[in-house]
Amino acid sequence: MKRFILFFNVSLFIWFACEDNNSLNVEIAPLEDCAGILGGESICGCTDSTATNFDSSATYDDESCIKTIEIIYNIDDSLPVDWIAEFYIVINNLQNIIPVYRNYFNVLQVYAWNDNIDDPYLGIEGGSYVGGESSLPIMVLEIPNSEFLYGHIHRFSVIAHEYFHVYQRSLSHSMNLWNDHPNGFDIKWLIEGSAASFESIYIQNYYNYNYFNEQNYVDSMVTIDPSIFESYNSNNIDINYSSSVFMTLVLVKELISLSHSEKNAFKLIYKDFMLSEATNQNWENKFESVFGITVNDFYNSIKTYPVDINEVLPSDTLIIEEIFD
């Protein structure tokens, strides 16, 4: 909440009167408040309840609201009609769960098509990813035709995964810098483990399907040298980000052992850590500050867990909306 008082040409009107007591009369003109009302007491701030900086005490909107981004959709007609309809439902759900605000960019371009055609958008490479310049991000969804033929749930889960990356970029300036930038952030297991576990929780909640079963290819290296999963060079042994998800879920268990609730543990990982503005240079310090455990101690704790995703699954009662309340 901000209270602004604007000072305009304040005039002092002074009269000297020849009275017996030689009194001095001073009159001060009333001041304008932030709404331009003379003598008013307006409280200026954001009055839009959908904005991230909404101020319930504000009585005058000062146009400071930070609103959600605009999404421009480029959805190719090679995609099945029922998928397109479900796509918009998923996006609407995600916008309610984790709205993306205009902190670092105002617009997101989404490109989606079926992989049974040539890439239809000039300059947009196929795949599933979030990329583009820091102020002009793009979200690309090239859906394998086989997923439509066999009804694979990944055709929907990938929407949640990639949208979560957009959410991450809206929280952290570091996430908007190019890979390997010293002030950027690209510690893979924290980025992808978060997005992939979020994806699975969303699918569990909305489709009653355990997508964690698709992330059960945990490599034994997580208990030998977890640090290798800090780099995207480990993708060849991190199938479907299974090992990154495993490490993320172990972190949840460790936070619970430190007296955090399950939903708060996920919130610390999904949101608070990103808000800490961790970079490739300071992320270990930020990790300890946010989670109350050093990276080295955490990596040692991973080694005490069986290499099995089923040993660290979140509870069946976890509701994704409650993580972000």
C-alpha atoms as a PDB file:
ATOM      1  CA  MET A   1       0.000   0.000   0.000  1.00  0.00           C
ATOM      2  CA  LYS A   2       1.305   3.383  -0.895  1.00  0.00           C
ATOM      3  CA  ARG A   3      -0.061   6.719   0.272  1.00  0.00           C
ATOM      4  CA  PHE A   4       1.015   9.594  -1.917  1.00  0.00           C
ATOM      5  CA  ILE A   5       0.530  13.261  -1.111  1.00  0.00           C
ATOM      6  CA  LEU A   6       1.292  15.644  -3.927  1.00  0.00           C
ATOM      7  CA  PHE A   7       2.451  19.098  -3.028  1.00  0.00           C
ATOM      8  CA  PHE A   8       1.253  21.841  -5.332  1.00  0.00           C
ATOM      9  CA  ASN A   9       2.005  25.552  -4.900  1.00  0.00           C
ATOM     10  CA  VAL A  10       1.098  25.883  -1.285  1.00  0.00           C
ATOM     11  CA  SER A  11       0.393  29.531  -0.577  1.00  0.00           C
ATOM     12  CA  LEU A  12       0.515  31.117   2.819  1.00  0.00           C
ATOM     13  CA  PHE A  13      -1.919  33.935   3.197  1.00  0.00           C
ATOM     14  CA  ILE A  14      -0.847  36.216   6.004  1.00  0.00           C
ATOM     15  CA  TRP A  15      -2.656  39.257   7.223  1.00  0.00           C
ATOM     16  CA  PHE A  16      -1.215  41.686   9.738  1.00  0.00           C
ATOM     17  CA  ALA A  17      -3.997  43.415  11.578  1.00  0.00           C
ATOM     18  CA  CYS A  18      -3.725  46.421  13.843  1.00  0.00           C
ATOM     19  CA  GLU A  19      -5.471  44.883  16.758  1.00  0.00           C
ATOM     20  CA  ASP A  20      -4.907  45.446  20.365  1.00  0.00           C
ATOM     21  CA  ASN A  21      -3.199  42.039  20.779  1.00  0.00           C
ATOM     22  CA  ASN A  22      -1.199  42.324  17.533  1.00  0.00           C
ATOM     23  CA  SER A  23      -2.434  38.806  16.531  1.00  0.00           C
ATOM     24  CA  LEU A  24      -1.089  36.942  13.483  1.00  0.00           C
ATOM     25  CA  ASN A  25      -3.604  34.974  11.357  1.00  0.00           C
ATOM     26  CA  VAL A  26      -2.240  32.199   9.111  1.00  0.00           C
ATOM     27  CA  GLU A  27      -4.353  30.244   6.587  1.00  0.00           C
ATOM     28  CA  ILE A  28      -2.910  27.171   4.760  1.00  0.00           C
ATOM     29  CA  ALA A  29      -4.559  26.032   1.535  1.00  0.00           C
ATOM     30  CA  PRO A  30      -5.665  22.346   1.606  1.00  0.00           C
ATOM     31  CA  LEU A  31      -3.394  19.812  -0.094  1.00  0.00           C
ATOM     32  CA  GLU A  32      -4.360  17.354  -2.820  1.00  0.00           C
ATOM     33  CA  ASP A  33      -4.139  13.648  -2.053  1.00  0.00           C
ATOM     34  CA  CYS A  34      -2.889  11.040  -4.524  1.00  0.00           C
ATOM     35  CA  ALA A  35      -6.264  11.024  -6.269  1.00  0.00           C
ATOM     36  CA  GLY A  36      -6.112  14.769  -6.819  1.00  0.00           C
ATOM     37  CA  ILE A  37      -8.793  15.526  -4.234  1.00  0.00           C
ATOM     38  CA  LEU A  38      -8.249  18.622  -2.130  1.00  0.00           C
ATOM     39  CA  GLY A  39      -8.097  17.635   1.489  1.00  0.00           C
ATOM     40  CA  GLY A  40      -8.767  14.003   0.575  1.00  0.00           C
ATOM     41  CA  GLU A  41      -7.349  10.928   2.254  1.00  0.00           C
ATOM     42  CA  SER A  42      -7.293   8.450  -0.618  1.00  0.00           C
ATOM     43  CA  ILE A  43      -5.107   5.374  -0.271  1.00  0.00           C
ATOM     44  CA  CYS A  44      -3.430   4.725  -3.584  1.00  0.00           C
ATOM     45  CA  GLY A  45      -2.525   1.264  -4.817  1.00  0.00           C
ATOM     46  CA  CYS A  46      -3.670  -1.562  -7.056  1.00  0.00           C
ATOM     47  CA  THR A  47      -7.399  -2.252  -6.732  1.00  0.00           C
ATOM     48  CA  ASP A  48      -7.539  -5.125  -9.253  1.00  0.00           C
ATOM     49  CA  SER A  49      -8.026  -8.313  -7.243  1.00  0.00           C
ATOM     50  CA  THR A  50      -6.555 -10.404 -10.077  1.00  0.00           C
ATOM     51  CA  ALA A  51      -3.207  -8.584  -9.970  1.00  0.00           C
ATOM     52  CA  THR A  52      -0.253  -9.938  -8.036  1.00  0.00           C
ATOM     53  CA  ASN A  53       0.150  -6.670  -6.129  1.00  0.00           C
ATOM     54  CA  PHE A  54      -3.548  -6.214  -5.275  1.00  0.00           C
ATOM     55  CA  ASP A  55      -3.958  -3.971  -2.226  1.00  0.00           C
ATOM     56  CA  SER A  56      -7.229  -4.575  -0.398  1.00  0.00           C
ATOM     57  CA  SER A  57      -6.802  -1.346   1.568  1.00  0.00           C
ATOM     58  CA  ALA A  58      -6.426   0.842  -1.526  1.00  0.00           C
ATOM     59  CA  THR A  59      -9.309   3.186  -2.305  1.00  0.00           C
ATOM     60  CA  TYR A  60      -7.854   4.674  -5.497  1.00  0.00           C
ATOM     61  CA  ASP A  61      -6.231   2.732  -8.340  1.00  0.00           C
ATOM     62  CA  ASP A  62      -2.892   4.299  -9.219  1.00  0.00           C
ATOM     63  CA  GLU A  63      -2.358   2.089 -12.298  1.00  0.00           C
ATOM     64  CA  SER A  64       0.460   0.173 -10.599  1.00  0.00           C
ATOM     65  CA  CYS A  65      -1.196  -3.236 -11.024  1.00  0.00           C
ATOM     66  CA  ILE A  66       0.992  -6.103 -12.247  1.00  0.00           C
ATOM     67  CA  LYS A  67      -1.429  -8.173 -14.302  1.00  0.00           C
ATOM     68  CA  THR A  68      -1.234 -11.567 -15.939  1.00  0.00           C
ATOM     69  CA  ILE A  69       0.480 -11.989 -19.282  1.00  0.00           C
ATOM     70  CA  GLU A  70      -1.298 -12.049 -22.612  1.00  0.00           C
ATOM     71  CA  ILE A  71      -1.169 -15.415 -24.376  1.00  0.00           C
ATOM     72  CA  ILE A  72      -1.279 -15.511 -28.172  1.00  0.00           C
ATOM     73  CA  TYR A  73      -2.266 -18.917 -29.506  1.00  0.00           C
ATOM     74  CA  ASN A  74      -1.011 -20.436 -32.751  1.00  0.00           C
ATOM     75  CA  ILE A  75      -2.767 -23.806 -32.792  1.00  0.00           C
ATOM     76  CA  ASP A  76      -2.431 -25.714 -36.056  1.00  0.00           C
ATOM     77  CA  ASP A  77      -5.460 -27.553 -37.431  1.00  0.00           C
ATOM     78  CA  SER A  78      -3.362 -30.701 -37.806  1.00  0.00           C
ATOM     79  CA  LEU A  79      -4.240 -31.314 -34.154  1.00  0.00           C
ATOM     80  CA  PRO A  80      -7.418 -33.248 -33.289  1.00  0.00           C
ATOM     81  CA  VAL A  81     -10.382 -31.088 -32.358  1.00  0.00           C
ATOM     82  CA  ASP A  82     -10.838 -32.835 -29.022  1.00  0.00           C
ATOM     83  CA  TRP A  83      -7.189 -32.205 -28.090  1.00  0.00           C
ATOM     84  CA  ILE A  84      -7.535 -28.526 -28.939  1.00  0.00           C
ATOM     85  CA  ALA A  85     -10.618 -28.274 -26.724  1.00  0.00           C
ATOM     86  CA  GLU A  86      -8.815 -30.035 -23.862  1.00  0.00           C
ATOM     87  CA  PHE A  87      -5.737 -27.864 -24.382  1.00  0.00           C
ATOM     88  CA  TYR A  88      -7.715 -24.719 -23.608  1.00  0.00           C
ATOM     89  CA  ILE A  89      -9.253 -26.369 -20.540  1.00  0.00           C
ATOM     90  CA  VAL A  90      -5.791 -27.288 -19.238  1.00  0.00           C
ATOM     91  CA  ILE A  91      -4.442 -23.793 -19.880  1.00  0.00           C
ATOM     92  CA  ASN A  92      -7.416 -22.264 -18.075  1.00  0.00           C
ATOM     93  CA  ASN A  93      -6.837 -24.552 -15.091  1.00  0.00           C
ATOM     94  CA  LEU A  94      -3.153 -23.690 -14.997  1.00  0.00           C
ATOM     95  CA  GLN A  95      -3.839 -19.970 -15.198  1.00  0.00           C
ATOM     96  CA  ASN A  96      -5.976 -20.331 -12.088  1.00  0.00           C
ATOM     97  CA  ILE A  97      -3.443 -22.491 -10.213  1.00  0.00           C
ATOM     98  CA  ILE A  98      -0.244 -20.645 -11.135  1.00  0.00           C
ATOM     99  CA  PRO A  99      -1.096 -17.380 -12.893  1.00  0.00           C
ATOM    100  CA  VAL A 100       1.830 -15.890 -14.796  1.00  0.00           C
ATOM    101  CA  TYR A 101       2.310 -12.196 -14.102  1.00  0.00           C
ATOM    102  CA  ARG A 102       4.057  -9.503 -16.124  1.00  0.00           C
ATOM    103  CA  ASN A 103       7.195  -9.373 -14.037  1.00  0.00           C
ATOM    104  CA  TYR A 104       9.708  -9.948 -16.842  1.00  0.00           C
ATOM    105  CA  PHE A 105       7.603 -10.295 -19.996  1.00  0.00           C
ATOM    106  CA  ASN A 106       4.119  -9.271 -21.083  1.00  0.00           C
ATOM    107  CA  VAL A 107       3.248 -11.726 -23.846  1.00  0.00           C
ATOM    108  CA  LEU A 108       3.655 -15.455 -24.457  1.00  0.00           C
ATOM    109  CA  GLN A 109       3.382 -16.956 -27.937  1.00  0.00           C
ATOM    110  CA  VAL A 110       2.184 -20.578 -27.974  1.00  0.00           C
ATOM    111  CA  TYR A 111       2.774 -22.783 -31.024  1.00  0.00           C
ATOM    112  CA  ALA A 112       1.235 -26.249 -31.239  1.00  0.00           C
ATOM    113  CA  TRP A 113       0.959 -28.829 -34.010  1.00  0.00           C
ATOM    114  CA  ASN A 114       0.877 -32.545 -34.780  1.00  0.00           C
ATOM    115  CA  ASP A 115       4.262 -34.054 -35.607  1.00  0.00           C
ATOM    116  CA  ASN A 116       2.822 -35.846 -38.651  1.00  0.00           C
ATOM    117  CA  ILE A 117       3.270 -32.628 -40.656  1.00  0.00           C
ATOM    118  CA  ASP A 118       6.290 -30.459 -41.427  1.00  0.00           C
ATOM    119  CA  ASP A 119       6.956 -27.670 -38.929  1.00  0.00           C
ATOM    120  CA  PRO A 120       4.225 -25.189 -39.898  1.00  0.00           C
ATOM    121  CA  TYR A 121       5.556 -21.990 -38.320  1.00  0.00           C
ATOM    122  CA  LEU A 122       8.480 -20.201 -39.934  1.00  0.00           C
ATOM    123  CA  GLY A 123      11.466 -20.022 -37.618  1.00  0.00           C
ATOM    124  CA  ILE A 124       9.881 -22.229 -34.941  1.00  0.00           C
ATOM    125  CA  GLU A 125      11.682 -25.526 -34.438  1.00  0.00           C
ATOM    126  CA  GLY A 126       9.786 -28.627 -33.423  1.00  0.00           C
ATOM    127  CA  GLY A 127       9.839 -30.293 -30.035  1.00  0.00           C
ATOM    128  CA  SER A 128       8.333 -29.431 -26.671  1.00  0.00           C
ATOM    129  CA  TYR A 129      10.039 -26.542 -24.931  1.00  0.00           C
ATOM    130  CA  VAL A 130       9.886 -22.980 -23.665  1.00  0.00           C
ATOM    131  CA  GLY A 131      12.409 -20.716 -25.339  1.00  0.00           C
ATOM    132  CA  GLY A 132      12.756 -17.396 -27.077  1.00  0.00           C
ATOM    133  CA  GLU A 133      14.224 -14.105 -25.967  1.00  0.00           C
ATOM    134  CA  SER A 134      13.911 -13.023 -22.361  1.00  0.00           C
ATOM    135  CA  SER A 135      11.164 -10.512 -23.114  1.00  0.00           C
ATOM    136  CA  LEU A 136       9.505 -12.572 -25.883  1.00  0.00           C
ATOM    137  CA  PRO A 137       9.157 -16.174 -24.683  1.00  0.00           C
ATOM    138  CA  ILE A 138       7.603 -18.905 -26.780  1.00  0.00           C
ATOM    139  CA  MET A 139       6.030 -22.199 -25.735  1.00  0.00           C
ATOM    140  CA  VAL A 140       6.253 -24.947 -28.347  1.00  0.00           C
ATOM    141  CA  LEU A 141       4.177 -28.129 -28.294  1.00  0.00           C
ATOM    142  CA  GLU A 142       4.834 -30.525 -31.152  1.00  0.00           C
ATOM    143  CA  ILE A 143       2.640 -33.457 -30.141  1.00  0.00           C
ATOM    144  CA  PRO A 144       3.626 -36.905 -31.475  1.00  0.00           C
ATOM    145  CA  ASN A 145       0.822 -38.343 -33.579  1.00  0.00           C
ATOM    146  CA  SER A 146       1.327 -41.675 -31.821  1.00  0.00           C
ATOM    147  CA  GLU A 147       0.067 -40.108 -28.596  1.00  0.00           C
ATOM    148  CA  PHE A 148      -3.271 -39.444 -30.292  1.00  0.00           C
ATOM    149  CA  LEU A 149      -3.406 -42.913 -31.812  1.00  0.00           C
ATOM    150  CA  TYR A 150      -2.776 -44.639 -28.478  1.00  0.00           C
ATOM    151  CA  GLY A 151      -4.364 -42.084 -26.162  1.00  0.00           C
ATOM    152  CA  HIS A 152      -1.163 -41.426 -24.214  1.00  0.00           C
ATOM    153  CA  ILE A 153      -1.660 -39.060 -21.280  1.00  0.00           C
ATOM    154  CA  HIS A 154       1.564 -37.238 -22.181  1.00  0.00           C
ATOM    155  CA  ARG A 155      -0.377 -35.376 -24.865  1.00  0.00           C
ATOM    156  CA  PHE A 156      -1.939 -33.432 -21.974  1.00  0.00           C
ATOM    157  CA  SER A 157       0.756 -33.623 -19.298  1.00  0.00           C
ATOM    158  CA  VAL A 158       3.261 -31.887 -21.570  1.00  0.00           C
ATOM    159  CA  ILE A 159       1.046 -28.788 -21.502  1.00  0.00           C
ATOM    160  CA  ALA A 160       1.366 -28.569 -17.718  1.00  0.00           C
ATOM    161  CA  HIS A 161       5.111 -29.235 -17.868  1.00  0.00           C
ATOM    162  CA  GLU A 162       5.910 -26.497 -20.365  1.00  0.00           C
ATOM    163  CA  TYR A 163       3.509 -23.987 -18.825  1.00  0.00           C
ATOM    164  CA  PHE A 164       5.285 -24.521 -15.500  1.00  0.00           C
ATOM    165  CA  HIS A 165       8.520 -23.419 -17.165  1.00  0.00           C
ATOM    166  CA  VAL A 166       6.744 -20.216 -18.205  1.00  0.00           C
ATOM    167  CA  TYR A 167       5.705 -19.788 -14.570  1.00  0.00           C
ATOM    168  CA  GLN A 168       9.322 -20.278 -13.456  1.00  0.00           C
ATOM    169  CA  ARG A 169      10.464 -17.588 -15.889  1.00  0.00           C
ATOM    170  CA  SER A 170       7.886 -15.189 -14.500  1.00  0.00           C
ATOM    171  CA  LEU A 171       9.300 -15.606 -10.979  1.00  0.00           C
ATOM    172  CA  SER A 172      13.011 -15.302 -11.659  1.00  0.00           C
ATOM    173  CA  HIS A 173      15.043 -12.943 -13.808  1.00  0.00           C
ATOM    174  CA  SER A 174      17.825 -15.539 -13.829  1.00  0.00           C
ATOM    175  CA  MET A 175      15.571 -18.023 -15.610  1.00  0.00           C
ATOM    176  CA  ASN A 176      15.271 -15.624 -18.543  1.00  0.00           C
ATOM    177  CA  LEU A 177      18.994 -15.505 -19.327  1.00  0.00           C
ATOM    178  CA  TRP A 178      20.679 -17.824 -21.788  1.00  0.00           C
ATOM    179  CA  ASN A 179      22.161 -21.158 -20.759  1.00  0.00           C
ATOM    180  CA  ASP A 180      25.503 -20.989 -18.915  1.00  0.00           C
ATOM    181  CA  HIS A 181      25.137 -17.261 -18.258  1.00  0.00           C
ATOM    182  CA  PRO A 182      26.847 -16.619 -14.886  1.00  0.00           C
ATOM    183  CA  ASN A 183      23.809 -14.710 -13.673  1.00  0.00           C
ATOM    184  CA  GLY A 184      21.408 -17.178 -15.236  1.00  0.00           C
ATOM    185  CA  PHE A 185      20.088 -20.317 -13.620  1.00  0.00           C
ATOM    186  CA  ASP A 186      20.141 -23.735 -15.268  1.00  0.00           C
ATOM    187  CA  ILE A 187      20.593 -26.313 -12.512  1.00  0.00           C
ATOM    188  CA  LYS A 188      18.705 -29.062 -14.283  1.00  0.00           C
ATOM    189  CA  TRP A 189      17.362 -31.219 -11.474  1.00  0.00           C
ATOM    190  CA  LEU A 190      15.840 -28.220  -9.713  1.00  0.00           C
ATOM    191  CA  ILE A 191      14.295 -26.832 -12.901  1.00  0.00           C
ATOM    192  CA  GLU A 192      13.131 -30.022 -14.588  1.00  0.00           C
ATOM    193  CA  GLY A 193      12.457 -31.981 -11.408  1.00  0.00           C
ATOM    194  CA  SER A 194      10.058 -29.242 -10.375  1.00  0.00           C
ATOM    195  CA  ALA A 195       8.317 -29.026 -13.749  1.00  0.00           C
ATOM    196  CA  ALA A 196       8.028 -32.794 -14.185  1.00  0.00           C
ATOM    197  CA  SER A 197       6.752 -33.437 -10.655  1.00  0.00           C
ATOM    198  CA  PHE A 198       4.255 -30.579 -11.021  1.00  0.00           C
ATOM    199  CA  GLU A 199       3.143 -32.186 -14.275  1.00  0.00           C
ATOM    200  CA  SER A 200       2.536 -35.499 -12.511  1.00  0.00           C
ATOM    201  CA  ILE A 201       0.646 -33.971  -9.592  1.00  0.00           C
ATOM    202  CA  TYR A 202      -1.571 -32.081 -12.042  1.00  0.00           C
ATOM    203  CA  ILE A 203      -2.334 -35.259 -13.994  1.00  0.00           C
ATOM    204  CA  GLN A 204      -3.037 -37.155 -10.770  1.00  0.00           C
ATOM    205  CA  ASN A 205      -5.464 -34.463  -9.610  1.00  0.00           C
ATOM    206  CA  TYR A 206      -7.274 -33.833 -12.877  1.00  0.00           C
ATOM    207  CA  TYR A 207      -7.149 -37.207 -14.662  1.00  0.00           C
ATOM    208  CA  ASN A 208      -6.750 -39.627 -11.742  1.00  0.00           C
ATOM    209  CA  TYR A 209      -3.714 -41.088 -13.493  1.00  0.00           C
ATOM    210  CA  ASN A 210      -0.397 -41.811 -11.777  1.00  0.00           C
ATOM    211  CA  TYR A 211       2.045 -40.232 -14.213  1.00  0.00           C
ATOM    212  CA  PHE A 212       4.868 -40.792 -11.732  1.00  0.00           C
ATOM    213  CA  ASN A 213       4.836 -44.342 -13.121  1.00  0.00           C
ATOM    214  CA  GLU A 214       6.184 -42.813 -16.332  1.00  0.00           C
ATOM    215  CA  GLN A 215       9.051 -41.302 -14.327  1.00  0.00           C
ATOM    216  CA  ASN A 216      10.326 -44.488 -12.711  1.00  0.00           C
ATOM    217  CA  TYR A 217      13.571 -44.756 -14.690  1.00  0.00           C
ATOM    218  CA  VAL A 218      15.672 -43.457 -11.810  1.00  0.00           C
ATOM    219  CA  ASP A 219      19.357 -43.931 -12.520  1.00  0.00           C
ATOM    220  CA  SER A 220      21.606 -45.342  -9.797  1.00  0.00           C
ATOM    221  CA  MET A 221      23.904 -42.341 -10.203  1.00  0.00           C
ATOM    222  CA  VAL A 222      21.526 -40.353  -7.983  1.00  0.00           C
ATOM    223  CA  THR A 223      22.985 -42.219  -5.009  1.00  0.00           C
ATOM    224  CA  ILE A 224      26.563 -42.209  -6.297  1.00  0.00           C
ATOM    225  CA  ASP A 225      27.025 -38.646  -7.520  1.00  0.00           C
ATOM    226  CA  PRO A 226      23.810 -36.590  -7.477  1.00  0.00           C
ATOM    227  CA  SER A 227      25.686 -33.507  -8.661  1.00  0.00           C
ATOM    228  CA  ILE A 228      25.854 -34.808 -12.227  1.00  0.00           C
ATOM    229  CA  PHE A 229      22.138 -34.036 -12.537  1.00  0.00           C
ATOM    230  CA  GLU A 230      22.876 -30.349 -12.113  1.00  0.00           C
ATOM    231  CA  SER A 231      23.813 -30.297 -15.800  1.00  0.00           C
ATOM    232  CA  TYR A 232      21.664 -30.932 -18.853  1.00  0.00           C
ATOM    233  CA  ASN A 233      24.563 -33.062 -20.101  1.00  0.00           C
ATOM    234  CA  SER A 234      23.079 -35.819 -17.932  1.00  0.00           C
ATOM    235  CA  ASN A 235      19.941 -36.074 -20.067  1.00  0.00           C
ATOM    236  CA  ASN A 236      21.075 -39.404 -21.491  1.00  0.00           C
ATOM    237  CA  ILE A 237      20.667 -41.018 -18.041  1.00  0.00           C
ATOM    238  CA  ASP A 238      17.708 -38.892 -16.954  1.00  0.00           C
ATOM    239  CA  ILE A 239      14.942 -40.496 -18.989  1.00  0.00           C
ATOM    240  CA  ASN A 240      11.723 -38.485 -18.776  1.00  0.00           C
ATOM    241  CA  TYR A 241      13.547 -36.523 -16.046  1.00  0.00           C
ATOM    242  CA  SER A 242      13.004 -39.484 -13.719  1.00  0.00           C
ATOM    243  CA  SER A 243      16.163 -38.892 -11.687  1.00  0.00           C
ATOM    244  CA  SER A 244      15.481 -35.156 -11.414  1.00  0.00           C
ATOM    245  CA  VAL A 245      11.961 -35.912 -10.200  1.00  0.00           C
ATOM    246  CA  PHE A 246      13.339 -38.421  -7.701  1.00  0.00           C
ATOM    247  CA  MET A 247      15.738 -35.822  -6.291  1.00  0.00           C
ATOM    248  CA  THR A 248      12.941 -33.268  -6.048  1.00  0.00           C
ATOM    249  CA  LEU A 249      10.689 -35.691  -4.187  1.00  0.00           C
ATOM    250  CA  VAL A 250      13.536 -36.630  -1.833  1.00  0.00           C
ATOM    251  CA  LEU A 251      13.943 -32.924  -1.091  1.00  0.00           C
ATOM    252  CA  VAL A 252      10.239 -32.797  -0.222  1.00  0.00           C
ATOM    253  CA  LYS A 253      10.718 -35.706   2.207  1.00  0.00           C
ATOM    254  CA  GLU A 254      13.726 -34.001   3.790  1.00  0.00           C
ATOM    255  CA  LEU A 255      11.787 -30.757   4.220  1.00  0.00           C
ATOM    256  CA  ILE A 256       8.931 -32.666   5.834  1.00  0.00           C
ATOM    257  CA  SER A 257      11.467 -34.125   8.277  1.00  0.00           C
ATOM    258  CA  LEU A 258      12.350 -30.512   9.130  1.00  0.00           C
ATOM    259  CA  SER A 259       8.707 -29.966  10.196  1.00  0.00           C
ATOM    260  CA  HIS A 260       7.355 -28.475   6.980  1.00  0.00           C
ATOM    261  CA  SER A 261       3.966 -29.651   5.766  1.00  0.00           C
ATOM    262  CA  GLU A 262       3.958 -31.517   2.470  1.00  0.00           C
ATOM    263  CA  LYS A 263       2.250 -28.721   0.572  1.00  0.00           C
ATOM    264  CA  ASN A 264       4.588 -26.110   2.041  1.00  0.00           C
ATOM    265  CA  ALA A 265       7.598 -28.232   1.093  1.00  0.00           C
ATOM    266  CA  PHE A 266       6.430 -28.243  -2.530  1.00  0.00           C
ATOM    267  CA  LYS A 267       5.762 -24.500  -2.369  1.00  0.00           C
ATOM    268  CA  LEU A 268       9.296 -23.851  -1.151  1.00  0.00           C
ATOM    269  CA  ILE A 269      10.644 -25.757  -4.151  1.00  0.00           C
ATOM    270  CA  TYR A 270       8.184 -24.608  -6.802  1.00  0.00           C
ATOM    271  CA  LYS A 271       7.884 -20.947  -5.856  1.00  0.00           C
ATOM    272  CA  ASP A 272      10.024 -19.657  -3.003  1.00  0.00           C
ATOM    273  CA  PHE A 273      13.313 -20.955  -4.356  1.00  0.00           C
ATOM    274  CA  MET A 274      12.622 -19.355  -7.743  1.00  0.00           C
ATOM    275  CA  LEU A 275      11.766 -16.076  -6.036  1.00  0.00           C
ATOM    276  CA  SER A 276      15.128 -16.159  -4.259  1.00  0.00           C
ATOM    277  CA  GLU A 277      16.802 -15.215  -7.575  1.00  0.00           C
ATOM    278  CA  ALA A 278      19.247 -18.091  -7.441  1.00  0.00           C
ATOM    279  CA  THR A 279      21.936 -17.979 -10.117  1.00  0.00           C
ATOM    280  CA  ASN A 280      24.549 -20.420 -11.358  1.00  0.00           C
ATOM    281  CA  GLN A 281      27.002 -18.656  -9.061  1.00  0.00           C
ATOM    282  CA  ASN A 282      25.028 -18.363  -5.822  1.00  0.00           C
ATOM    283  CA  TRP A 283      22.477 -21.164  -6.006  1.00  0.00           C
ATOM    284  CA  GLU A 284      24.036 -23.261  -3.251  1.00  0.00           C
ATOM    285  CA  ASN A 285      23.784 -20.346  -0.811  1.00  0.00           C
ATOM    286  CA  LYS A 286      20.195 -19.679  -1.887  1.00  0.00           C
ATOM    287  CA  PHE A 287      19.427 -23.382  -1.489  1.00  0.00           C
ATOM    288  CA  GLU A 288      20.576 -23.340   2.125  1.00  0.00           C
ATOM    289  CA  SER A 289      18.776 -20.060   2.810  1.00  0.00           C
ATOM    290  CA  VAL A 290      15.419 -21.259   1.450  1.00  0.00           C
ATOM    291  CA  PHE A 291      15.481 -24.908   2.543  1.00  0.00           C
ATOM    292  CA  GLY A 292      17.578 -24.777   5.698  1.00  0.00           C
ATOM    293  CA  ILE A 293      19.909 -27.520   4.475  1.00  0.00           C
ATOM    294  CA  THR A 294      23.176 -27.367   2.560  1.00  0.00           C
ATOM    295  CA  VAL A 295      23.439 -28.863  -0.908  1.00  0.00           C
ATOM    296  CA  ASN A 296      26.185 -31.191   0.299  1.00  0.00           C
ATOM    297  CA  ASP A 297      24.080 -32.456   3.210  1.00  0.00           C
ATOM    298  CA  PHE A 298      21.118 -32.930   0.897  1.00  0.00           C
ATOM    299  CA  TYR A 299      23.170 -34.916  -1.594  1.00  0.00           C
ATOM    300  CA  ASN A 300      24.381 -37.128   1.235  1.00  0.00           C
ATOM    301  CA  SER A 301      20.800 -37.678   2.386  1.00  0.00           C
ATOM    302  CA  ILE A 302      19.785 -38.828  -1.121  1.00  0.00           C
ATOM    303  CA  LYS A 303      22.236 -41.699  -0.774  1.00  0.00           C
ATOM    304  CA  THR A 304      20.182 -43.116   2.112  1.00  0.00           C
ATOM    305  CA  TYR A 305      17.080 -43.610  -0.065  1.00  0.00           C
ATOM    306  CA  PRO A 306      16.277 -46.674  -2.184  1.00  0.00           C
ATOM    307  CA  VAL A 307      16.560 -45.881  -5.901  1.00  0.00           C
ATOM    308  CA  ASP A 308      12.821 -46.230  -6.406  1.00  0.00           C
ATOM    309  CA  ILE A 309      10.354 -43.479  -7.284  1.00  0.00           C
ATOM    310  CA  ASN A 310       7.636 -45.322  -5.378  1.00  0.00           C
ATOM    311  CA  GLU A 311       9.524 -44.778  -2.111  1.00  0.00           C
ATOM    312  CA  VAL A 312       9.197 -40.992  -2.336  1.00  0.00           C
ATOM    313  CA  LEU A 313       5.807 -40.403  -3.973  1.00  0.00           C
ATOM    314  CA  PRO A 314       3.679 -37.568  -2.600  1.00  0.00           C
ATOM    315  CA  SER A 315       0.543 -38.430  -0.666  1.00  0.00           C
ATOM    316  CA  ASP A 316      -2.617 -39.316  -2.574  1.00  0.00           C
ATOM    317  CA  THR A 317      -4.438 -36.488  -0.796  1.00  0.00           C
ATOM    318  CA  LEU A 318      -2.138 -33.733  -2.054  1.00  0.00           C
ATOM    319  CA  ILE A 319      -4.162 -31.062  -3.870  1.00  0.00           C
ATOM    320  CA  ILE A 320      -2.175 -28.988  -6.317  1.00  0.00           C
ATOM    321  CA  GLU A 321      -4.114 -25.764  -5.713  1.00  0.00           C
ATOM    322  CA  GLU A 322      -3.280 -25.903  -1.998  1.00  0.00           C
ATOM    323  CA  ILE A 323       0.441 -25.818  -2.747  1.00  0.00           C
ATOM    324  CA  PHE A 324       0.091 -22.285  -4.082  1.00  0.00           C
ATOM    325  CA  ASP A 325      -2.513 -20.908  -1.660  1.00  0.00           C
END
